[in-house]
């Protein structure tokens, strides 16, 4: 299972938002490229990069930084935030992004996601961000009528390479992930699932390692030191060996 560090971009900096709220921002680094290189140096095998400005505004806004990250690190990255046109997704994939994450537009247009998955096989992931069991959109500023599990079943038909599930109530709170919701999702679909939101201790990593996830994205806990990346990776590897 992959331990995937998160790099959230806002205003050209590496930040974290508590529960996705614009006014609950903490800046962790002025240079996201240096952050990406640091995670690679510590042994990260994959990076999760989100353009928060893009998510709020509906189109990527930090592309220059993403391009620099791609040039400076050798490990693959997944990117999300404001990807709502085929053109923008093609541009990111052509830049060298390993896979693109779509969310908001996937809710309104599963047929579009199906077209993307056909055009870019194995390179389209769908983000499912849930609040009280329902899917949130537009940078988590609003909630739609879709239940997360029902939407997962529907979007599975489009054949994305993975689902990235975030429980918004847990995100940035350092209170542990929503394992019950993850188990419900795993029982509902067969495509790979990556967990995100609230992972804040080695105990959380151990608990998540007991369920069949493809990976886990860790953000705030890595930046605050609640989790040390090398310890997390070692624990995850040792648990996988025991299996």
C-alpha atoms as a PDB file:
ATOM      1  CA  UNK A   1       0.000   0.000   0.000  1.00  0.00           C
ATOM      2  CA  UNK A   2       1.290   3.439  -0.910  1.00  0.00           C
ATOM      3  CA  UNK A   3       1.806   6.227   1.607  1.00  0.00           C
ATOM      4  CA  UNK A   4       1.155   9.314  -0.521  1.00  0.00           C
ATOM      5  CA  UNK A   5       2.169  12.773   0.759  1.00  0.00           C
ATOM      6  CA  UNK A   6      -0.244  15.559  -0.161  1.00  0.00           C
ATOM      7  CA  UNK A   7       0.861  18.911  -1.544  1.00  0.00           C
ATOM      8  CA  UNK A   8      -1.978  21.434  -1.578  1.00  0.00           C
ATOM      9  CA  UNK A   9      -1.314  24.566  -3.625  1.00  0.00           C
ATOM     10  CA  UNK A  10      -2.872  27.935  -2.856  1.00  0.00           C
ATOM     11  CA  UNK A  11      -1.449  31.266  -3.898  1.00  0.00           C
ATOM     12  CA  UNK A  12       1.711  29.533  -5.054  1.00  0.00           C
ATOM     13  CA  UNK A  13       2.406  28.095  -1.591  1.00  0.00           C
ATOM     14  CA  UNK A  14       2.066  24.722   0.101  1.00  0.00           C
ATOM     15  CA  UNK A  15      -0.860  24.979   2.508  1.00  0.00           C
ATOM     16  CA  UNK A  16      -3.405  22.914   4.388  1.00  0.00           C
ATOM     17  CA  UNK A  17      -7.044  23.846   4.896  1.00  0.00           C
ATOM     18  CA  UNK A  18      -9.000  22.523   7.858  1.00  0.00           C
ATOM     19  CA  UNK A  19     -12.117  20.759   6.501  1.00  0.00           C
ATOM     20  CA  UNK A  20     -11.482  22.513   3.176  1.00  0.00           C
ATOM     21  CA  UNK A  21     -12.409  25.967   4.528  1.00  0.00           C
ATOM     22  CA  UNK A  22     -10.760  28.919   2.764  1.00  0.00           C
ATOM     23  CA  UNK A  23     -10.474  30.881   6.003  1.00  0.00           C
ATOM     24  CA  UNK A  24      -8.840  27.978   7.880  1.00  0.00           C
ATOM     25  CA  UNK A  25      -5.535  28.031   6.033  1.00  0.00           C
ATOM     26  CA  UNK A  26      -2.084  27.157   7.353  1.00  0.00           C
ATOM     27  CA  UNK A  27       0.955  27.835   5.165  1.00  0.00           C
ATOM     28  CA  UNK A  28       3.583  25.115   5.582  1.00  0.00           C
ATOM     29  CA  UNK A  29       6.062  26.137   2.885  1.00  0.00           C
ATOM     30  CA  UNK A  30       6.617  28.967   0.430  1.00  0.00           C
ATOM     31  CA  UNK A  31       8.185  26.662  -2.160  1.00  0.00           C
ATOM     32  CA  UNK A  32       6.089  23.582  -3.030  1.00  0.00           C
ATOM     33  CA  UNK A  33       8.810  22.322  -5.378  1.00  0.00           C
ATOM     34  CA  UNK A  34      11.229  21.979  -2.465  1.00  0.00           C
ATOM     35  CA  UNK A  35       8.512  20.145  -0.539  1.00  0.00           C
ATOM     36  CA  UNK A  36       8.017  17.687  -3.391  1.00  0.00           C
ATOM     37  CA  UNK A  37      11.762  17.044  -3.594  1.00  0.00           C
ATOM     38  CA  UNK A  38      11.915  16.510   0.164  1.00  0.00           C
ATOM     39  CA  UNK A  39       9.196  13.845   0.062  1.00  0.00           C
ATOM     40  CA  UNK A  40      10.975  12.130  -2.810  1.00  0.00           C
ATOM     41  CA  UNK A  41      14.250  12.206  -0.883  1.00  0.00           C
ATOM     42  CA  UNK A  42      12.532  10.508   2.057  1.00  0.00           C
ATOM     43  CA  UNK A  43      11.363   7.660  -0.160  1.00  0.00           C
ATOM     44  CA  UNK A  44       7.899   8.677  -1.318  1.00  0.00           C
ATOM     45  CA  UNK A  45       6.870   6.727  -4.404  1.00  0.00           C
ATOM     46  CA  UNK A  46       3.934   8.925  -5.382  1.00  0.00           C
ATOM     47  CA  UNK A  47       2.664  12.467  -4.723  1.00  0.00           C
ATOM     48  CA  UNK A  48      -0.858  13.867  -4.471  1.00  0.00           C
ATOM     49  CA  UNK A  49      -0.978  17.465  -5.715  1.00  0.00           C
ATOM     50  CA  UNK A  50      -4.129  19.576  -5.454  1.00  0.00           C
ATOM     51  CA  UNK A  51      -4.679  23.059  -6.861  1.00  0.00           C
ATOM     52  CA  UNK A  52      -6.995  24.587  -4.267  1.00  0.00           C
ATOM     53  CA  UNK A  53      -7.302  27.832  -6.219  1.00  0.00           C
ATOM     54  CA  UNK A  54      -8.338  25.749  -9.206  1.00  0.00           C
ATOM     55  CA  UNK A  55     -10.909  23.818  -7.170  1.00  0.00           C
ATOM     56  CA  UNK A  56     -12.534  27.033  -5.953  1.00  0.00           C
ATOM     57  CA  UNK A  57     -12.378  28.846  -9.315  1.00  0.00           C
ATOM     58  CA  UNK A  58     -13.130  25.970 -11.687  1.00  0.00           C
ATOM     59  CA  UNK A  59      -9.854  25.901 -13.649  1.00  0.00           C
ATOM     60  CA  UNK A  60      -6.219  25.108 -12.696  1.00  0.00           C
ATOM     61  CA  UNK A  61      -4.335  28.177 -11.435  1.00  0.00           C
ATOM     62  CA  UNK A  62      -0.956  26.824 -10.285  1.00  0.00           C
ATOM     63  CA  UNK A  63       0.218  25.082 -13.440  1.00  0.00           C
ATOM     64  CA  UNK A  64       3.676  26.689 -13.441  1.00  0.00           C
ATOM     65  CA  UNK A  65       4.385  25.133 -10.053  1.00  0.00           C
ATOM     66  CA  UNK A  66       3.034  21.752 -11.149  1.00  0.00           C
ATOM     67  CA  UNK A  67       5.304  21.846 -14.179  1.00  0.00           C
ATOM     68  CA  UNK A  68       8.308  22.641 -11.966  1.00  0.00           C
ATOM     69  CA  UNK A  69       7.462  19.747  -9.650  1.00  0.00           C
ATOM     70  CA  UNK A  70       7.268  17.369 -12.609  1.00  0.00           C
ATOM     71  CA  UNK A  71      10.656  18.574 -13.841  1.00  0.00           C
ATOM     72  CA  UNK A  72      12.319  18.383 -10.438  1.00  0.00           C
ATOM     73  CA  UNK A  73      11.127  14.997  -9.161  1.00  0.00           C
ATOM     74  CA  UNK A  74      11.271  11.576 -10.759  1.00  0.00           C
ATOM     75  CA  UNK A  75       8.353   9.998  -8.931  1.00  0.00           C
ATOM     76  CA  UNK A  76       4.854  10.170 -10.470  1.00  0.00           C
ATOM     77  CA  UNK A  77       2.215  12.619  -9.298  1.00  0.00           C
ATOM     78  CA  UNK A  78      -1.553  12.701  -9.439  1.00  0.00           C
ATOM     79  CA  UNK A  79      -3.198  16.087  -9.820  1.00  0.00           C
ATOM     80  CA  UNK A  80      -6.630  17.487  -9.084  1.00  0.00           C
ATOM     81  CA  UNK A  81      -8.320  20.823  -8.648  1.00  0.00           C
ATOM     82  CA  UNK A  82     -10.428  22.572 -11.262  1.00  0.00           C
ATOM     83  CA  UNK A  83     -10.133  19.895 -13.950  1.00  0.00           C
ATOM     84  CA  UNK A  84     -13.472  20.342 -15.681  1.00  0.00           C
ATOM     85  CA  UNK A  85     -12.594  20.204 -19.383  1.00  0.00           C
ATOM     86  CA  UNK A  86     -11.025  17.546 -21.568  1.00  0.00           C
ATOM     87  CA  UNK A  87      -8.556  20.163 -22.804  1.00  0.00           C
ATOM     88  CA  UNK A  88      -7.254  20.966 -19.307  1.00  0.00           C
ATOM     89  CA  UNK A  89      -6.868  17.271 -18.505  1.00  0.00           C
ATOM     90  CA  UNK A  90      -4.989  16.584 -21.743  1.00  0.00           C
ATOM     91  CA  UNK A  91      -2.716  19.542 -20.987  1.00  0.00           C
ATOM     92  CA  UNK A  92      -1.862  18.179 -17.520  1.00  0.00           C
ATOM     93  CA  UNK A  93      -1.264  14.663 -18.795  1.00  0.00           C
ATOM     94  CA  UNK A  94       0.900  16.021 -21.604  1.00  0.00           C
ATOM     95  CA  UNK A  95       2.902  17.963 -18.989  1.00  0.00           C
ATOM     96  CA  UNK A  96       3.749  14.664 -17.343  1.00  0.00           C
ATOM     97  CA  UNK A  97       1.104  14.182 -14.652  1.00  0.00           C
ATOM     98  CA  UNK A  98       0.636  10.431 -14.128  1.00  0.00           C
ATOM     99  CA  UNK A  99      -3.094  10.644 -13.534  1.00  0.00           C
ATOM    100  CA  UNK A 100      -5.705  13.371 -13.381  1.00  0.00           C
ATOM    101  CA  UNK A 101      -8.369  13.539 -10.694  1.00  0.00           C
ATOM    102  CA  UNK A 102     -11.848  14.733 -11.613  1.00  0.00           C
ATOM    103  CA  UNK A 103     -14.555  15.513  -9.097  1.00  0.00           C
ATOM    104  CA  UNK A 104     -17.117  18.269  -9.504  1.00  0.00           C
ATOM    105  CA  UNK A 105     -17.914  17.741 -13.193  1.00  0.00           C
ATOM    106  CA  UNK A 106     -17.992  13.972 -12.704  1.00  0.00           C
ATOM    107  CA  UNK A 107     -21.130  14.467 -10.620  1.00  0.00           C
ATOM    108  CA  UNK A 108     -22.992  16.233 -13.423  1.00  0.00           C
ATOM    109  CA  UNK A 109     -21.543  14.274 -16.313  1.00  0.00           C
ATOM    110  CA  UNK A 110     -20.589  10.614 -15.770  1.00  0.00           C
ATOM    111  CA  UNK A 111     -20.673  10.219 -19.562  1.00  0.00           C
ATOM    112  CA  UNK A 112     -17.822  12.732 -19.785  1.00  0.00           C
ATOM    113  CA  UNK A 113     -15.809  10.658 -17.296  1.00  0.00           C
ATOM    114  CA  UNK A 114     -16.483   7.586 -19.427  1.00  0.00           C
ATOM    115  CA  UNK A 115     -15.118   9.413 -22.481  1.00  0.00           C
ATOM    116  CA  UNK A 116     -12.040  10.465 -20.513  1.00  0.00           C
ATOM    117  CA  UNK A 117     -11.381   6.935 -19.301  1.00  0.00           C
ATOM    118  CA  UNK A 118     -11.617   5.687 -22.884  1.00  0.00           C
ATOM    119  CA  UNK A 119      -9.358   8.436 -24.241  1.00  0.00           C
ATOM    120  CA  UNK A 120      -6.824   8.266 -21.391  1.00  0.00           C
ATOM    121  CA  UNK A 121      -7.028   4.672 -20.102  1.00  0.00           C
ATOM    122  CA  UNK A 122      -5.542   4.111 -16.661  1.00  0.00           C
ATOM    123  CA  UNK A 123      -4.919   7.834 -16.136  1.00  0.00           C
ATOM    124  CA  UNK A 124      -8.233   9.151 -14.801  1.00  0.00           C
ATOM    125  CA  UNK A 125      -9.139   8.924 -11.116  1.00  0.00           C
ATOM    126  CA  UNK A 126     -12.361  10.193  -9.575  1.00  0.00           C
ATOM    127  CA  UNK A 127     -12.373  12.089  -6.303  1.00  0.00           C
ATOM    128  CA  UNK A 128     -15.315  11.452  -4.012  1.00  0.00           C
ATOM    129  CA  UNK A 129     -15.381  14.031  -1.236  1.00  0.00           C
ATOM    130  CA  UNK A 130     -18.106  13.294   1.275  1.00  0.00           C
ATOM    131  CA  UNK A 131     -19.786  15.400   3.927  1.00  0.00           C
ATOM    132  CA  UNK A 132     -22.322  13.615   6.139  1.00  0.00           C
ATOM    133  CA  UNK A 133     -22.412  10.834   3.568  1.00  0.00           C
ATOM    134  CA  UNK A 134     -23.172  13.083   0.600  1.00  0.00           C
ATOM    135  CA  UNK A 135     -20.834  14.229  -2.166  1.00  0.00           C
ATOM    136  CA  UNK A 136     -19.405  17.757  -1.959  1.00  0.00           C
ATOM    137  CA  UNK A 137     -18.438  19.777  -5.042  1.00  0.00           C
ATOM    138  CA  UNK A 138     -16.897  23.091  -6.136  1.00  0.00           C
ATOM    139  CA  UNK A 139     -13.965  22.952  -3.754  1.00  0.00           C
ATOM    140  CA  UNK A 140     -16.201  21.487  -1.028  1.00  0.00           C
ATOM    141  CA  UNK A 141     -18.298  24.664  -0.925  1.00  0.00           C
ATOM    142  CA  UNK A 142     -21.583  22.869  -1.628  1.00  0.00           C
ATOM    143  CA  UNK A 143     -23.141  19.433  -1.234  1.00  0.00           C
ATOM    144  CA  UNK A 144     -25.195  17.646  -3.892  1.00  0.00           C
ATOM    145  CA  UNK A 145     -27.905  15.015  -3.559  1.00  0.00           C
ATOM    146  CA  UNK A 146     -25.696  12.042  -4.415  1.00  0.00           C
ATOM    147  CA  UNK A 147     -24.914   9.655  -1.559  1.00  0.00           C
ATOM    148  CA  UNK A 148     -21.204   8.834  -1.708  1.00  0.00           C
ATOM    149  CA  UNK A 149     -21.675   5.068  -1.980  1.00  0.00           C
ATOM    150  CA  UNK A 150     -24.389   5.357  -4.627  1.00  0.00           C
ATOM    151  CA  UNK A 151     -22.242   7.726  -6.685  1.00  0.00           C
ATOM    152  CA  UNK A 152     -19.279   5.352  -6.371  1.00  0.00           C
ATOM    153  CA  UNK A 153     -21.393   2.542  -7.824  1.00  0.00           C
ATOM    154  CA  UNK A 154     -22.508   4.778 -10.694  1.00  0.00           C
ATOM    155  CA  UNK A 155     -19.048   6.139 -11.520  1.00  0.00           C
ATOM    156  CA  UNK A 156     -17.489   2.658 -11.376  1.00  0.00           C
ATOM    157  CA  UNK A 157     -19.302   1.978 -14.659  1.00  0.00           C
ATOM    158  CA  UNK A 158     -17.031   4.537 -16.371  1.00  0.00           C
ATOM    159  CA  UNK A 159     -13.892   2.500 -15.479  1.00  0.00           C
ATOM    160  CA  UNK A 160     -11.670   5.046 -13.685  1.00  0.00           C
ATOM    161  CA  UNK A 161      -8.309   3.741 -12.491  1.00  0.00           C
ATOM    162  CA  UNK A 162      -9.083   4.625  -8.856  1.00  0.00           C
ATOM    163  CA  UNK A 163     -11.454   6.366  -6.475  1.00  0.00           C
ATOM    164  CA  UNK A 164      -9.974   8.844  -4.026  1.00  0.00           C
ATOM    165  CA  UNK A 165     -12.270   9.085  -1.017  1.00  0.00           C
ATOM    166  CA  UNK A 166     -12.092  11.992   1.410  1.00  0.00           C
ATOM    167  CA  UNK A 167     -14.273  12.467   4.450  1.00  0.00           C
ATOM    168  CA  UNK A 168     -14.388  16.271   4.713  1.00  0.00           C
ATOM    169  CA  UNK A 169     -15.331  16.262   8.393  1.00  0.00           C
ATOM    170  CA  UNK A 170     -12.071  14.441   9.113  1.00  0.00           C
ATOM    171  CA  UNK A 171      -9.791  16.379   6.774  1.00  0.00           C
ATOM    172  CA  UNK A 172      -7.165  18.402   8.610  1.00  0.00           C
ATOM    173  CA  UNK A 173      -8.649  17.576  12.015  1.00  0.00           C
ATOM    174  CA  UNK A 174      -6.013  15.006  13.060  1.00  0.00           C
ATOM    175  CA  UNK A 175      -8.768  12.856  14.552  1.00  0.00           C
ATOM    176  CA  UNK A 176      -8.444   9.689  12.482  1.00  0.00           C
ATOM    177  CA  UNK A 177     -10.029   8.527   9.208  1.00  0.00           C
ATOM    178  CA  UNK A 178     -13.615   7.391   8.680  1.00  0.00           C
ATOM    179  CA  UNK A 179     -12.958   3.672   8.471  1.00  0.00           C
ATOM    180  CA  UNK A 180     -16.647   2.742   8.488  1.00  0.00           C
ATOM    181  CA  UNK A 181     -17.308   4.801   5.354  1.00  0.00           C
ATOM    182  CA  UNK A 182     -14.252   3.315   3.673  1.00  0.00           C
ATOM    183  CA  UNK A 183     -15.457  -0.208   4.428  1.00  0.00           C
ATOM    184  CA  UNK A 184     -18.888   0.628   3.006  1.00  0.00           C
ATOM    185  CA  UNK A 185     -17.244   1.955  -0.146  1.00  0.00           C
ATOM    186  CA  UNK A 186     -14.994  -1.094  -0.480  1.00  0.00           C
ATOM    187  CA  UNK A 187     -18.011  -3.349  -0.159  1.00  0.00           C
ATOM    188  CA  UNK A 188     -19.863  -1.413  -2.854  1.00  0.00           C
ATOM    189  CA  UNK A 189     -17.259  -1.278  -5.645  1.00  0.00           C
ATOM    190  CA  UNK A 190     -14.361  -3.319  -6.987  1.00  0.00           C
ATOM    191  CA  UNK A 191     -12.095  -0.576  -8.336  1.00  0.00           C
ATOM    192  CA  UNK A 192      -9.056   0.528  -6.287  1.00  0.00           C
ATOM    193  CA  UNK A 193      -9.708   3.025  -3.494  1.00  0.00           C
ATOM    194  CA  UNK A 194      -7.295   5.528  -1.992  1.00  0.00           C
ATOM    195  CA  UNK A 195      -8.166   6.942   1.434  1.00  0.00           C
ATOM    196  CA  UNK A 196      -7.748  10.570   2.433  1.00  0.00           C
ATOM    197  CA  UNK A 197      -8.730  12.706   5.391  1.00  0.00           C
ATOM    198  CA  UNK A 198      -7.910  12.579   9.091  1.00  0.00           C
ATOM    199  CA  UNK A 199      -4.977  10.141   9.009  1.00  0.00           C
ATOM    200  CA  UNK A 200      -2.968  11.394  11.968  1.00  0.00           C
ATOM    201  CA  UNK A 201      -1.082   8.582  13.687  1.00  0.00           C
ATOM    202  CA  UNK A 202       0.689   5.281  13.159  1.00  0.00           C
ATOM    203  CA  UNK A 203      -2.378   3.642  14.726  1.00  0.00           C
ATOM    204  CA  UNK A 204      -4.481   5.064  11.896  1.00  0.00           C
ATOM    205  CA  UNK A 205      -2.045   3.664   9.351  1.00  0.00           C
ATOM    206  CA  UNK A 206      -2.155   0.271  11.021  1.00  0.00           C
ATOM    207  CA  UNK A 207      -5.970   0.316  11.004  1.00  0.00           C
ATOM    208  CA  UNK A 208      -6.138   1.295   7.325  1.00  0.00           C
ATOM    209  CA  UNK A 209      -3.630  -1.409   6.451  1.00  0.00           C
ATOM    210  CA  UNK A 210      -6.168  -3.981   7.596  1.00  0.00           C
ATOM    211  CA  UNK A 211      -8.561  -3.115   4.786  1.00  0.00           C
ATOM    212  CA  UNK A 212      -7.833  -3.574   1.061  1.00  0.00           C
ATOM    213  CA  UNK A 213      -6.920  -0.037   0.024  1.00  0.00           C
ATOM    214  CA  UNK A 214      -4.611   0.900  -2.832  1.00  0.00           C
ATOM    215  CA  UNK A 215      -3.064   3.699  -0.794  1.00  0.00           C
ATOM    216  CA  UNK A 216      -3.546   6.463   1.723  1.00  0.00           C
ATOM    217  CA  UNK A 217      -2.980  10.192   1.285  1.00  0.00           C
ATOM    218  CA  UNK A 218      -1.531  12.007   4.276  1.00  0.00           C
ATOM    219  CA  UNK A 219      -1.358  15.776   4.521  1.00  0.00           C
ATOM    220  CA  UNK A 220      -1.455  17.818   7.701  1.00  0.00           C
ATOM    221  CA  UNK A 221      -0.097  15.082   9.964  1.00  0.00           C
ATOM    222  CA  UNK A 222       3.119  14.897   7.926  1.00  0.00           C
ATOM    223  CA  UNK A 223       3.607  18.651   8.032  1.00  0.00           C
ATOM    224  CA  UNK A 224       2.962  18.974  11.761  1.00  0.00           C
ATOM    225  CA  UNK A 225       5.121  15.977  12.654  1.00  0.00           C
ATOM    226  CA  UNK A 226       2.277  13.898  14.056  1.00  0.00           C
ATOM    227  CA  UNK A 227       3.423  11.301  11.520  1.00  0.00           C
ATOM    228  CA  UNK A 228       6.989  10.923  10.307  1.00  0.00           C
ATOM    229  CA  UNK A 229       7.051   9.692   6.726  1.00  0.00           C
ATOM    230  CA  UNK A 230       9.853   7.150   7.156  1.00  0.00           C
ATOM    231  CA  UNK A 231       8.131   5.601  10.174  1.00  0.00           C
ATOM    232  CA  UNK A 232       4.835   5.449   8.298  1.00  0.00           C
ATOM    233  CA  UNK A 233       6.412   3.803   5.266  1.00  0.00           C
ATOM    234  CA  UNK A 234       8.319   1.297   7.401  1.00  0.00           C
ATOM    235  CA  UNK A 235       5.159   0.378   9.333  1.00  0.00           C
ATOM    236  CA  UNK A 236       3.129  -0.011   6.168  1.00  0.00           C
ATOM    237  CA  UNK A 237       5.778  -2.173   4.536  1.00  0.00           C
ATOM    238  CA  UNK A 238       6.132  -4.390   7.591  1.00  0.00           C
ATOM    239  CA  UNK A 239       2.367  -4.910   7.804  1.00  0.00           C
ATOM    240  CA  UNK A 240       2.204  -5.815   4.119  1.00  0.00           C
ATOM    241  CA  UNK A 241       5.008  -8.382   4.597  1.00  0.00           C
ATOM    242  CA  UNK A 242       3.099  -9.978   7.480  1.00  0.00           C
ATOM    243  CA  UNK A 243       0.059 -10.384   5.231  1.00  0.00           C
END
